[in-house]
Protein backbone atom coordinates (compact mmCIF):
# COMPACT_ATOMS: atom_id res chain seq x y z
CA UNK A 1 0.00 0.00 0.00
CA UNK A 2 1.03 3.56 -0.61
CA UNK A 3 1.89 6.37 1.86
CA UNK A 4 1.11 10.03 1.27
CA UNK A 5 2.56 13.32 2.52
CA UNK A 6 0.38 16.37 1.85
CA UNK A 7 0.49 20.06 2.77
CA UNK A 8 -2.63 21.73 4.19
CA UNK A 9 -2.31 25.49 3.63
CA UNK A 10 -3.15 27.83 6.51
CA UNK A 11 -5.51 30.80 6.48
CA UNK A 12 -6.64 33.50 8.87
CA UNK A 13 -10.32 34.39 9.23
CA UNK A 14 -10.47 38.19 9.27
CA UNK A 15 -14.26 38.06 9.58
CA UNK A 16 -16.58 35.14 10.27
CA UNK A 17 -20.35 35.24 10.80
CA UNK A 18 -22.81 32.35 11.05
CA UNK A 19 -25.79 33.47 9.00
CA UNK A 20 -27.99 30.38 9.23
CA UNK A 21 -28.39 26.66 9.82
CA UNK A 22 -28.72 23.95 7.19
CA UNK A 23 -30.83 20.80 7.34
CA UNK A 24 -27.67 18.65 7.24
CA UNK A 25 -26.37 20.13 10.52
CA UNK A 26 -23.81 22.47 8.94
CA UNK A 27 -24.02 26.28 9.01
CA UNK A 28 -24.19 28.93 6.33
CA UNK A 29 -21.24 31.31 6.74
CA UNK A 30 -20.06 34.70 5.57
CA UNK A 31 -16.32 35.13 5.88
CA UNK A 32 -13.28 37.05 4.76
CA UNK A 33 -10.10 34.94 4.69
CA UNK A 34 -6.43 35.70 4.11
CA UNK A 35 -3.94 32.99 3.18
CA UNK A 36 -0.61 33.00 5.01
CA UNK A 37 2.74 31.39 4.27
CA UNK A 38 2.25 28.53 6.75
CA UNK A 39 0.98 24.99 6.36
CA UNK A 40 0.57 21.69 8.16
CA UNK A 41 2.20 18.57 6.74
CA UNK A 42 -0.10 15.56 6.85
CA UNK A 43 1.51 12.13 6.58
CA UNK A 44 -0.85 9.23 5.86
CA UNK A 45 0.00 5.57 5.75
CA UNK A 46 -2.16 2.45 5.59
CA UNK A 47 -3.13 0.57 8.72
CA UNK A 48 -5.51 -2.18 9.76
CA UNK A 49 -6.72 -0.21 12.82
CA UNK A 50 -10.10 1.56 12.91
CA UNK A 51 -8.63 4.64 14.61
CA UNK A 52 -5.60 6.81 14.03
CA UNK A 53 -3.11 8.86 15.99
CA UNK A 54 -2.05 12.37 15.06
CA UNK A 55 1.12 14.05 16.27
CA UNK A 56 1.71 17.79 15.86
CA UNK A 57 4.68 20.00 16.58
CA UNK A 58 3.87 23.70 16.93
CA UNK A 59 6.90 25.56 15.63
CA UNK A 60 5.68 29.08 16.45
CA UNK A 61 5.82 28.33 20.18
CA UNK A 62 8.48 26.62 22.26
CA UNK A 63 8.56 22.96 21.19
CA UNK A 64 5.13 21.57 22.06
CA UNK A 65 4.26 18.05 20.99
CA UNK A 66 0.69 16.81 21.24
CA UNK A 67 -0.82 13.45 20.41
CA UNK A 68 -4.53 12.97 19.74
CA UNK A 69 -6.30 9.66 19.37
CA UNK A 70 -9.31 10.01 17.11
CA UNK A 71 -11.90 7.27 16.74
CA UNK A 72 -14.37 7.62 13.86
CA UNK A 73 -18.08 7.34 14.76
CA UNK A 74 -19.30 3.94 13.49
């Protein structure tokens, strides 16, 4: 199986307003966004588990490592 490494570009919300609800549970939004020269790198590799772990290093602050365990709702 194949592994992937992707970049997720960052943005800053300069303005964000919830203007309504949708039948599917999401919200209608009005927003003004600005892209910035930052991104997250997402590394994906195959597994037989039904959950995954995510590790992040925040480089704008003193070295902070966090690990989240996320279990999809089945």
